[in-house]
PDB file of N, CA and C in Angstrom:
ATOM      1  N   LYS A   1     -42.828  95.542 -50.981  1.00  0.00           N
ATOM      2  CA  LYS A   1     -43.430  94.291 -50.298  1.00  0.00           C
ATOM      3  C   LYS A   1     -44.349  93.905 -51.280  1.00  0.00           C
ATOM      4  N   ARG A   2     -44.422  92.557 -51.235  1.00  0.00           N
ATOM      5  CA  ARG A   2     -44.950  91.561 -52.064  1.00  0.00           C
ATOM      6  C   ARG A   2     -46.110  91.132 -51.554  1.00  0.00           C
ATOM      7  N   PHE A   3     -47.490  91.199 -52.216  1.00  0.00           N
ATOM      8  CA  PHE A   3     -48.425  90.232 -51.729  1.00  0.00           C
ATOM      9  C   PHE A   3     -49.455  89.922 -52.846  1.00  0.00           C
ATOM     10  N   ALA A   4     -50.326  89.202 -52.580  1.00  0.00           N
ATOM     11  CA  ALA A   4     -51.112  88.096 -53.433  1.00  0.00           C
ATOM     12  C   ALA A   4     -52.608  88.695 -53.026  1.00  0.00           C
ATOM     13  N   PHE A   5     -53.332  88.329 -54.361  1.00  0.00           N
ATOM     14  CA  PHE A   5     -54.522  88.734 -54.326  1.00  0.00           C
ATOM     15  C   PHE A   5     -55.616  87.634 -55.286  1.00  0.00           C
ATOM     16  N   PRO A   6     -56.839  87.621 -54.994  1.00  0.00           N
ATOM     17  CA  PRO A   6     -57.640  86.765 -55.885  1.00  0.00           C
ATOM     18  C   PRO A   6     -58.061  87.176 -57.142  1.00  0.00           C
ATOM     19  N   VAL A   7     -58.019  86.257 -58.187  1.00  0.00           N
ATOM     20  CA  VAL A   7     -58.622  86.949 -59.322  1.00  0.00           C
ATOM     21  C   VAL A   7     -59.276  85.418 -59.720  1.00  0.00           C
ATOM     22  N   ALA A   8     -60.650  85.698 -60.091  1.00  0.00           N
ATOM     23  CA  ALA A   8     -61.437  84.918 -61.043  1.00  0.00           C
ATOM     24  C   ALA A   8     -60.827  84.246 -62.578  1.00  0.00           C
ATOM     25  N   ALA A   9     -60.941  83.359 -62.366  1.00  0.00           N
ATOM     26  CA  ALA A   9     -60.194  82.167 -63.271  1.00  0.00           C
ATOM     27  C   ALA A   9     -61.182  81.491 -63.894  1.00  0.00           C
ATOM     28  N   GLY A  10     -62.318  81.799 -64.789  1.00  0.00           N
ATOM     29  CA  GLY A  10     -63.297  80.647 -65.246  1.00  0.00           C
ATOM     30  C   GLY A  10     -64.043  80.266 -63.875  1.00  0.00           C
ATOM     31  N   TRP A  11     -64.307  79.254 -63.636  1.00  0.00           N
ATOM     32  CA  TRP A  11     -64.872  78.958 -62.334  1.00  0.00           C
ATOM     33  C   TRP A  11     -64.387  78.873 -61.103  1.00  0.00           C
ATOM     34  N   GLU A  12     -62.623  79.128 -61.215  1.00  0.00           N
ATOM     35  CA  GLU A  12     -62.031  78.890 -59.935  1.00  0.00           C
ATOM     36  C   GLU A  12     -61.737  80.828 -59.492  1.00  0.00           C
ATOM     37  N   THR A  13     -60.839  80.713 -58.678  1.00  0.00           N
ATOM     38  CA  THR A  13     -60.459  81.787 -57.869  1.00  0.00           C
ATOM     39  C   THR A  13     -59.467  81.363 -58.019  1.00  0.00           C
ATOM     40  N   ARG A  14     -58.006  82.283 -58.562  1.00  0.00           N
ATOM     41  CA  ARG A  14     -56.695  82.260 -58.364  1.00  0.00           C
ATOM     42  C   ARG A  14     -55.876  83.174 -57.596  1.00  0.00           C
ATOM     43  N   GLN A  15     -54.766  82.804 -57.098  1.00  0.00           N
ATOM     44  CA  GLN A  15     -54.072  83.996 -56.552  1.00  0.00           C
ATOM     45  C   GLN A  15     -53.206  84.518 -57.394  1.00  0.00           C
ATOM     46  N   ARG A  16     -52.918  86.077 -57.586  1.00  0.00           N
ATOM     47  CA  ARG A  16     -52.075  86.666 -58.387  1.00  0.00           C
ATOM     48  C   ARG A  16     -51.177  87.147 -57.569  1.00  0.00           C
ATOM     49  N   THR A  17     -49.658  87.581 -58.001  1.00  0.00           N
ATOM     50  CA  THR A  17     -48.864  87.956 -57.124  1.00  0.00           C
ATOM     51  C   THR A  17     -48.485  89.269 -57.613  1.00  0.00           C
ATOM     52  N   ALA A  18     -48.169  90.079 -57.032  1.00  0.00           N
ATOM     53  CA  ALA A  18     -47.743  91.574 -57.558  1.00  0.00           C
ATOM     54  C   ALA A  18     -46.780  92.381 -56.264  1.00  0.00           C
ATOM     55  N   PHE A  19     -46.146  93.093 -56.575  1.00  0.00           N
ATOM     56  CA  PHE A  19     -45.508  93.990 -55.493  1.00  0.00           C
ATOM     57  C   PHE A  19     -45.782  95.582 -55.630  1.00  0.00           C
ATOM     58  N   LEU A  20     -45.597  95.997 -53.966  1.00  0.00           N
ATOM     59  CA  LEU A  20     -46.187  97.251 -54.083  1.00  0.00           C
ATOM     60  C   LEU A  20     -44.578  98.186 -53.718  1.00  0.00           C
ATOM     61  N   VAL A  21     -44.238  99.212 -54.667  1.00  0.00           N
ATOM     62  CA  VAL A  21     -43.062  99.759 -54.372  1.00  0.00           C
ATOM     63  C   VAL A  21     -43.402 101.950 -54.093  1.00  0.00           C
ATOM     64  N   ARG A  22     -42.817 101.923 -53.366  1.00  0.00           N
ATOM     65  CA  ARG A  22     -43.253 103.148 -52.726  1.00  0.00           C
ATOM     66  C   ARG A  22     -41.576 104.248 -53.297  1.00  0.00           C
ATOM     67  N   LYS A  23     -41.977 105.482 -53.750  1.00  0.00           N
ATOM     68  CA  LYS A  23     -41.110 105.994 -54.543  1.00  0.00           C
ATOM     69  C   LYS A  23     -41.601 107.465 -53.805  1.00  0.00           C
ATOM     70  N   GLY A  24     -40.875 107.919 -52.723  1.00  0.00           N
ATOM     71  CA  GLY A  24     -41.703 109.146 -51.973  1.00  0.00           C
ATOM     72  C   GLY A  24     -42.622 109.079 -51.676  1.00  0.00           C
ATOM     73  N   ASP A  25     -43.949 110.084 -52.041  1.00  0.00           N
ATOM     74  CA  ASP A  25     -45.176 110.022 -51.840  1.00  0.00           C
ATOM     75  C   ASP A  25     -46.197 108.998 -52.699  1.00  0.00           C
ATOM     76  N   GLU A  26     -45.252 108.532 -53.731  1.00  0.00           N
ATOM     77  CA  GLU A  26     -45.825 107.751 -54.702  1.00  0.00           C
ATOM     78  C   GLU A  26     -46.077 106.368 -54.608  1.00  0.00           C
ATOM     79  N   VAL A  27     -46.912 105.291 -54.757  1.00  0.00           N
ATOM     80  CA  VAL A  27     -47.071 104.044 -54.146  1.00  0.00           C
ATOM     81  C   VAL A  27     -47.567 103.659 -55.537  1.00  0.00           C
ATOM     82  N   ILE A  28     -46.362 102.651 -56.398  1.00  0.00           N
ATOM     83  CA  ILE A  28     -47.061 101.765 -57.462  1.00  0.00           C
ATOM     84  C   ILE A  28     -47.038 100.302 -56.765  1.00  0.00           C
ATOM     85  N   ALA A  29     -48.062  99.356 -57.918  1.00  0.00           N
ATOM     86  CA  ALA A  29     -47.944  98.131 -57.609  1.00  0.00           C
ATOM     87  C   ALA A  29     -47.900  97.707 -59.131  1.00  0.00           C
ATOM     88  N   LEU A  30     -46.648  96.388 -59.105  1.00  0.00           N
ATOM     89  CA  LEU A  30     -46.116  95.787 -60.219  1.00  0.00           C
ATOM     90  C   LEU A  30     -46.816  94.417 -60.252  1.00  0.00           C
ATOM     91  N   ASP A  31     -47.278  93.949 -61.347  1.00  0.00           N
ATOM     92  CA  ASP A  31     -47.656  92.511 -61.636  1.00  0.00           C
ATOM     93  C   ASP A  31     -46.224  91.713 -61.597  1.00  0.00           C
ATOM     94  N   ALA A  32     -46.164  90.598 -60.802  1.00  0.00           N
ATOM     95  CA  ALA A  32     -44.715  89.672 -60.512  1.00  0.00           C
ATOM     96  C   ALA A  32     -45.167  88.928 -61.709  1.00  0.00           C
ATOM     97  N   THR A  33     -45.592  89.253 -63.082  1.00  0.00           N
ATOM     98  CA  THR A  33     -45.529  87.882 -64.070  1.00  0.00           C
ATOM     99  C   THR A  33     -44.142  88.528 -65.109  1.00  0.00           C
ATOM    100  N   CYS A  34     -43.391  87.905 -65.066  1.00  0.00           N
ATOM    101  CA  CYS A  34     -42.605  88.201 -65.998  1.00  0.00           C
ATOM    102  C   CYS A  34     -43.084  88.289 -67.483  1.00  0.00           C
ATOM    103  N   THR A  35     -42.780  89.437 -68.478  1.00  0.00           N
ATOM    104  CA  THR A  35     -43.207  89.904 -69.698  1.00  0.00           C
ATOM    105  C   THR A  35     -42.696  89.154 -70.400  1.00  0.00           C
ATOM    106  N   HIS A  36     -41.434  88.406 -70.440  1.00  0.00           N
ATOM    107  CA  HIS A  36     -40.868  87.124 -71.363  1.00  0.00           C
ATOM    108  C   HIS A  36     -41.930  86.215 -71.490  1.00  0.00           C
ATOM    109  N   LEU A  37     -41.832  85.294 -70.553  1.00  0.00           N
ATOM    110  CA  LEU A  37     -42.253  83.863 -70.356  1.00  0.00           C
ATOM    111  C   LEU A  37     -43.361  84.001 -69.602  1.00  0.00           C
ATOM    112  N   GLY A  38     -43.502  84.560 -68.707  1.00  0.00           N
ATOM    113  CA  GLY A  38     -44.667  84.252 -67.690  1.00  0.00           C
ATOM    114  C   GLY A  38     -44.206  83.812 -66.320  1.00  0.00           C
ATOM    115  N   CYS A  39     -42.805  83.608 -66.181  1.00  0.00           N
ATOM    116  CA  CYS A  39     -42.566  83.240 -64.762  1.00  0.00           C
ATOM    117  C   CYS A  39     -42.637  84.490 -63.747  1.00  0.00           C
ATOM    118  N   MET A  40     -42.702  83.999 -62.545  1.00  0.00           N
ATOM    119  CA  MET A  40     -42.296  85.033 -61.322  1.00  0.00           C
ATOM    120  C   MET A  40     -41.381  85.772 -60.957  1.00  0.00           C
ATOM    121  N   VAL A  41     -41.554  86.765 -61.253  1.00  0.00           N
ATOM    122  CA  VAL A  41     -40.256  87.484 -60.916  1.00  0.00           C
ATOM    123  C   VAL A  41     -40.188  87.843 -59.267  1.00  0.00           C
ATOM    124  N   ARG A  42     -38.633  88.189 -58.611  1.00  0.00           N
ATOM    125  CA  ARG A  42     -38.515  88.523 -57.000  1.00  0.00           C
ATOM    126  C   ARG A  42     -37.687  89.416 -57.056  1.00  0.00           C
ATOM    127  N   PRO A  43     -37.319  90.055 -56.258  1.00  0.00           N
ATOM    128  CA  PRO A  43     -36.648  91.154 -56.072  1.00  0.00           C
ATOM    129  C   PRO A  43     -35.007  90.916 -55.797  1.00  0.00           C
ATOM    130  N   ALA A  44     -34.389  91.496 -56.273  1.00  0.00           N
ATOM    131  CA  ALA A  44     -32.882  91.263 -56.647  1.00  0.00           C
ATOM    132  C   ALA A  44     -32.291  90.800 -55.101  1.00  0.00           C
ATOM    133  N   PHE A  45     -32.899  91.076 -54.264  1.00  0.00           N
ATOM    134  CA  PHE A  45     -32.294  90.937 -52.894  1.00  0.00           C
ATOM    135  C   PHE A  45     -32.864  89.733 -52.222  1.00  0.00           C
ATOM    136  N   ALA A  46     -33.574  88.630 -52.830  1.00  0.00           N
ATOM    137  CA  ALA A  46     -34.375  87.559 -52.445  1.00  0.00           C
ATOM    138  C   ALA A  46     -33.433  86.517 -52.166  1.00  0.00           C
ATOM    139  N   GLU A  47     -33.758  85.804 -51.532  1.00  0.00           N
ATOM    140  CA  GLU A  47     -32.889  84.393 -51.775  1.00  0.00           C
ATOM    141  C   GLU A  47     -32.572  83.872 -52.919  1.00  0.00           C
ATOM    142  N   GLY A  48     -31.357  83.389 -53.880  1.00  0.00           N
ATOM    143  CA  GLY A  48     -31.184  82.974 -54.714  1.00  0.00           C
ATOM    144  C   GLY A  48     -31.415  84.097 -56.052  1.00  0.00           C
ATOM    145  N   ALA A  49     -31.405  85.198 -55.725  1.00  0.00           N
ATOM    146  CA  ALA A  49     -31.143  86.240 -56.873  1.00  0.00           C
ATOM    147  C   ALA A  49     -29.826  86.890 -56.507  1.00  0.00           C
ATOM    148  N   SER A  50     -29.434  87.752 -57.452  1.00  0.00           N
ATOM    149  CA  SER A  50     -28.044  88.425 -57.416  1.00  0.00           C
ATOM    150  C   SER A  50     -27.883  89.601 -58.170  1.00  0.00           C
ATOM    151  N   ALA A  51     -27.910  90.760 -57.202  1.00  0.00           N
ATOM    152  CA  ALA A  51     -27.987  92.156 -58.084  1.00  0.00           C
ATOM    153  C   ALA A  51     -26.801  92.158 -58.786  1.00  0.00           C
ATOM    154  N   SER A  52     -25.588  91.720 -58.491  1.00  0.00           N
ATOM    155  CA  SER A  52     -24.693  91.674 -59.333  1.00  0.00           C
ATOM    156  C   SER A  52     -24.606  91.127 -60.806  1.00  0.00           C
ATOM    157  N   LYS A  53     -25.558  90.306 -60.963  1.00  0.00           N
ATOM    158  CA  LYS A  53     -25.934  89.795 -62.190  1.00  0.00           C
ATOM    159  C   LYS A  53     -26.651  90.890 -63.065  1.00  0.00           C
ATOM    160  N   LEU A  54     -27.159  92.195 -62.434  1.00  0.00           N
ATOM    161  CA  LEU A  54     -27.945  92.937 -62.967  1.00  0.00           C
ATOM    162  C   LEU A  54     -27.120  94.010 -63.371  1.00  0.00           C
ATOM    163  N   GLY A  55     -25.758  94.180 -63.062  1.00  0.00           N
ATOM    164  CA  GLY A  55     -25.436  95.366 -63.046  1.00  0.00           C
ATOM    165  C   GLY A  55     -25.071  96.287 -61.974  1.00  0.00           C
ATOM    166  N   GLY A  56     -25.350  95.808 -60.668  1.00  0.00           N
ATOM    167  CA  GLY A  56     -25.701  96.636 -59.306  1.00  0.00           C
ATOM    168  C   GLY A  56     -27.100  97.362 -59.617  1.00  0.00           C
ATOM    169  N   ALA A  57     -27.963  97.160 -60.348  1.00  0.00           N
ATOM    170  CA  ALA A  57     -29.370  97.919 -60.243  1.00  0.00           C
ATOM    171  C   ALA A  57     -29.610  97.852 -58.876  1.00  0.00           C
ATOM    172  N   PRO A  58     -29.951  98.862 -58.126  1.00  0.00           N
ATOM    173  CA  PRO A  58     -30.491  98.883 -56.853  1.00  0.00           C
ATOM    174  C   PRO A  58     -31.930  98.503 -57.002  1.00  0.00           C
ATOM    175  N   GLY A  59     -32.515  97.853 -55.883  1.00  0.00           N
ATOM    176  CA  GLY A  59     -33.979  97.235 -55.925  1.00  0.00           C
ATOM    177  C   GLY A  59     -34.799  96.374 -57.456  1.00  0.00           C
ATOM    178  N   ALA A  60     -33.915  96.162 -58.056  1.00  0.00           N
ATOM    179  CA  ALA A  60     -34.564  95.458 -59.522  1.00  0.00           C
ATOM    180  C   ALA A  60     -35.333  94.147 -59.018  1.00  0.00           C
ATOM    181  N   PHE A  61     -36.165  93.900 -59.875  1.00  0.00           N
ATOM    182  CA  PHE A  61     -36.691  92.244 -60.088  1.00  0.00           C
ATOM    183  C   PHE A  61     -35.819  91.554 -60.755  1.00  0.00           C
ATOM    184  N   VAL A  62     -35.723  90.372 -60.365  1.00  0.00           N
ATOM    185  CA  VAL A  62     -35.325  89.513 -61.304  1.00  0.00           C
ATOM    186  C   VAL A  62     -35.915  88.289 -61.795  1.00  0.00           C
ATOM    187  N   CYS A  63     -36.153  87.430 -62.941  1.00  0.00           N
ATOM    188  CA  CYS A  63     -36.851  86.720 -63.240  1.00  0.00           C
ATOM    189  C   CYS A  63     -35.830  85.298 -63.330  1.00  0.00           C
ATOM    190  N   PRO A  64     -36.198  84.291 -62.247  1.00  0.00           N
ATOM    191  CA  PRO A  64     -35.392  83.258 -62.084  1.00  0.00           C
ATOM    192  C   PRO A  64     -35.330  82.248 -63.080  1.00  0.00           C
ATOM    193  N   CYS A  65     -36.034  82.276 -64.111  1.00  0.00           N
ATOM    194  CA  CYS A  65     -36.429  81.365 -65.455  1.00  0.00           C
ATOM    195  C   CYS A  65     -35.276  81.910 -66.679  1.00  0.00           C
ATOM    196  N   HIS A  66     -34.767  83.211 -66.973  1.00  0.00           N
ATOM    197  CA  HIS A  66     -34.209  83.184 -68.051  1.00  0.00           C
ATOM    198  C   HIS A  66     -32.935  84.453 -67.810  1.00  0.00           C
ATOM    199  N   GLY A  67     -33.358  84.762 -66.285  1.00  0.00           N
ATOM    200  CA  GLY A  67     -32.139  85.790 -66.085  1.00  0.00           C
ATOM    201  C   GLY A  67     -32.434  87.522 -66.511  1.00  0.00           C
ATOM    202  N   GLY A  68     -33.814  87.641 -67.370  1.00  0.00           N
ATOM    203  CA  GLY A  68     -34.074  89.139 -67.331  1.00  0.00           C
ATOM    204  C   GLY A  68     -34.046  89.822 -66.180  1.00  0.00           C
ATOM    205  N   ALA A  69     -34.400  91.335 -66.275  1.00  0.00           N
ATOM    206  CA  ALA A  69     -34.167  91.825 -64.741  1.00  0.00           C
ATOM    207  C   ALA A  69     -35.262  93.252 -65.513  1.00  0.00           C
ATOM    208  N   PHE A  70     -35.769  93.764 -64.246  1.00  0.00           N
ATOM    209  CA  PHE A  70     -36.406  95.156 -64.281  1.00  0.00           C
ATOM    210  C   PHE A  70     -36.024  95.875 -63.090  1.00  0.00           C
ATOM    211  N   SER A  71     -36.039  96.965 -63.539  1.00  0.00           N
ATOM    212  CA  SER A  71     -35.844  98.319 -62.855  1.00  0.00           C
ATOM    213  C   SER A  71     -36.727  98.451 -61.447  1.00  0.00           C
ATOM    214  N   LEU A  72     -36.580  99.263 -60.132  1.00  0.00           N
ATOM    215  CA  LEU A  72     -37.706  99.169 -59.311  1.00  0.00           C
ATOM    216  C   LEU A  72     -39.079  99.791 -60.201  1.00  0.00           C
ATOM    217  N   GLU A  73     -39.146 100.495 -60.911  1.00  0.00           N
ATOM    218  CA  GLU A  73     -40.395 100.701 -61.829  1.00  0.00           C
ATOM    219  C   GLU A  73     -40.860 100.011 -62.706  1.00  0.00           C
ATOM    220  N   GLY A  74     -40.152  98.842 -62.812  1.00  0.00           N
ATOM    221  CA  GLY A  74     -41.098  97.677 -63.589  1.00  0.00           C
ATOM    222  C   GLY A  74     -40.443  97.825 -65.162  1.00  0.00           C
ATOM    223  N   GLU A  75     -39.247  98.535 -65.542  1.00  0.00           N
ATOM    224  CA  GLU A  75     -39.029  98.981 -66.814  1.00  0.00           C
ATOM    225  C   GLU A  75     -37.550  97.684 -67.166  1.00  0.00           C
ATOM    226  N   PRO A  76     -37.847  97.166 -68.197  1.00  0.00           N
ATOM    227  CA  PRO A  76     -36.588  96.342 -68.665  1.00  0.00           C
ATOM    228  C   PRO A  76     -35.363  96.898 -68.299  1.00  0.00           C
ATOM    229  N   VAL A  77     -34.437  96.033 -67.635  1.00  0.00           N
ATOM    230  CA  VAL A  77     -32.722  96.894 -67.562  1.00  0.00           C
ATOM    231  C   VAL A  77     -31.994  95.342 -68.339  1.00  0.00           C
ATOM    232  N   LYS A  78     -32.475  94.403 -68.182  1.00  0.00           N
ATOM    233  CA  LYS A  78     -31.751  93.194 -68.748  1.00  0.00           C
ATOM    234  C   LYS A  78     -31.920  92.250 -69.593  1.00  0.00           C
ATOM    235  N   MET A  79     -31.805  91.995 -70.863  1.00  0.00           N
ATOM    236  CA  MET A  79     -32.487  91.358 -71.776  1.00  0.00           C
ATOM    237  C   MET A  79     -32.454  90.025 -71.268  1.00  0.00           C
ATOM    238  N   PRO A  80     -33.465  88.689 -71.567  1.00  0.00           N
ATOM    239  CA  PRO A  80     -34.301  88.928 -72.583  1.00  0.00           C
ATOM    240  C   PRO A  80     -35.492  89.595 -72.679  1.00  0.00           C
ATOM    241  N   VAL A  81     -35.889  90.155 -71.415  1.00  0.00           N
ATOM    242  CA  VAL A  81     -37.282  91.215 -71.320  1.00  0.00           C
ATOM    243  C   VAL A  81     -37.049  92.379 -72.193  1.00  0.00           C
ATOM    244  N   THR A  82     -37.878  92.529 -72.847  1.00  0.00           N
ATOM    245  CA  THR A  82     -38.094  93.687 -73.537  1.00  0.00           C
ATOM    246  C   THR A  82     -39.258  94.808 -73.388  1.00  0.00           C
ATOM    247  N   LYS A  83     -40.348  94.297 -72.801  1.00  0.00           N
ATOM    248  CA  LYS A  83     -41.329  95.091 -72.230  1.00  0.00           C
ATOM    249  C   LYS A  83     -41.313  95.037 -70.685  1.00  0.00           C
ATOM    250  N   PRO A  84     -42.132  96.565 -69.946  1.00  0.00           N
ATOM    251  CA  PRO A  84     -41.898  96.610 -68.711  1.00  0.00           C
ATOM    252  C   PRO A  84     -43.172  95.797 -67.693  1.00  0.00           C
ATOM    253  N   LEU A  85     -42.894  95.468 -66.494  1.00  0.00           N
ATOM    254  CA  LEU A  85     -43.932  94.644 -66.261  1.00  0.00           C
ATOM    255  C   LEU A  85     -44.957  95.443 -65.874  1.00  0.00           C
ATOM    256  N   ALA A  86     -46.368  94.854 -66.053  1.00  0.00           N
ATOM    257  CA  ALA A  86     -47.566  95.696 -65.916  1.00  0.00           C
ATOM    258  C   ALA A  86     -47.954  96.354 -64.214  1.00  0.00           C
ATOM    259  N   ARG A  87     -48.669  97.481 -64.615  1.00  0.00           N
ATOM    260  CA  ARG A  87     -48.603  98.275 -63.470  1.00  0.00           C
ATOM    261  C   ARG A  87     -50.365  97.979 -63.322  1.00  0.00           C
ATOM    262  N   LEU A  88     -50.261  97.725 -62.107  1.00  0.00           N
ATOM    263  CA  LEU A  88     -51.942  97.865 -61.956  1.00  0.00           C
ATOM    264  C   LEU A  88     -52.102  99.304 -60.597  1.00  0.00           C
ATOM    265  N   GLU A  89     -53.308  99.788 -61.022  1.00  0.00           N
ATOM    266  CA  GLU A  89     -53.897 100.817 -60.573  1.00  0.00           C
ATOM    267  C   GLU A  89     -53.710 100.729 -59.311  1.00  0.00           C
ATOM    268  N   THR A  90     -53.483 102.108 -58.521  1.00  0.00           N
ATOM    269  CA  THR A  90     -53.432 102.047 -57.078  1.00  0.00           C
ATOM    270  C   THR A  90     -53.847 103.211 -56.663  1.00  0.00           C
ATOM    271  N   ARG A  91     -54.696 103.461 -55.133  1.00  0.00           N
ATOM    272  CA  ARG A  91     -54.463 104.622 -54.553  1.00  0.00           C
ATOM    273  C   ARG A  91     -54.569 104.376 -53.240  1.00  0.00           C
ATOM    274  N   VAL A  92     -54.344 105.760 -52.398  1.00  0.00           N
ATOM    275  CA  VAL A  92     -53.723 105.386 -50.934  1.00  0.00           C
ATOM    276  C   VAL A  92     -55.150 106.352 -50.497  1.00  0.00           C
ATOM    277  N   LEU A  93     -55.966 105.318 -49.259  1.00  0.00           N
ATOM    278  CA  LEU A  93     -57.159 105.889 -48.812  1.00  0.00           C
ATOM    279  C   LEU A  93     -57.235 105.573 -47.485  1.00  0.00           C
ATOM    280  N   GLY A  94     -57.400 106.824 -46.643  1.00  0.00           N
ATOM    281  CA  GLY A  94     -57.332 106.172 -44.902  1.00  0.00           C
ATOM    282  C   GLY A  94     -56.279 105.583 -44.667  1.00  0.00           C
ATOM    283  N   GLY A  95     -55.271 105.816 -45.086  1.00  0.00           N
ATOM    284  CA  GLY A  95     -54.049 105.339 -44.696  1.00  0.00           C
ATOM    285  C   GLY A  95     -53.020 104.136 -45.255  1.00  0.00           C
ATOM    286  N   GLN A  96     -54.233 103.428 -46.083  1.00  0.00           N
ATOM    287  CA  GLN A  96     -54.142 102.153 -46.871  1.00  0.00           C
ATOM    288  C   GLN A  96     -54.338 102.084 -48.173  1.00  0.00           C
ATOM    289  N   VAL A  97     -53.242 101.681 -49.011  1.00  0.00           N
ATOM    290  CA  VAL A  97     -53.207 101.070 -50.277  1.00  0.00           C
ATOM    291  C   VAL A  97     -54.205 100.409 -50.970  1.00  0.00           C
ATOM    292  N   GLN A  98     -54.841 100.836 -51.687  1.00  0.00           N
ATOM    293  CA  GLN A  98     -55.831  99.707 -52.641  1.00  0.00           C
ATOM    294  C   GLN A  98     -55.128  99.674 -53.748  1.00  0.00           C
ATOM    295  N   VAL A  99     -55.542  98.715 -54.556  1.00  0.00           N
ATOM    296  CA  VAL A  99     -55.138  98.009 -55.684  1.00  0.00           C
ATOM    297  C   VAL A  99     -56.485  97.289 -56.595  1.00  0.00           C
ATOM    298  N   ARG A 100     -56.505  97.902 -57.980  1.00  0.00           N
ATOM    299  CA  ARG A 100     -57.354  97.561 -58.373  1.00  0.00           C
ATOM    300  C   ARG A 100     -56.574  96.457 -59.832  1.00  0.00           C
ATOM    301  N   ALA A 101     -57.204  95.199 -59.528  1.00  0.00           N
ATOM    302  CA  ALA A 101     -56.558  94.494 -60.942  1.00  0.00           C
ATOM    303  C   ALA A 101     -57.398  94.360 -62.281  1.00  0.00           C
TER     304      ALA A 101
END
C-alpha cells in the first residue's frame, strides 16, 4: 500500500512517499525514493511498469528513470541499483500501523 506523510524541509513541509508491505505478521515500510538517483519507484504491477523486465520478480518495485528494480523487501534485484530501499521504523498498535520517519 502506497502512502504519503509530511516531512519538515527547512521552512516548508513536504510530502514523502513510502510503501507498506505485509509479510505474514510483519509489516515493513519502504521509502519510495530510488537509491540510484532519487526517482520515485512504483510497484511492478503499476501502469507503465512491467514485471517481465524484472525477470518475473513478483511484487517488486521498479524505477521508471533507469530501469532498476527492488524485491518486495526493498533489496536490489536489477541494476543500476546496488543499495536497498530505506526502511522506515514501523509498529502495529491497536490494529493500526504507525511509521516513524
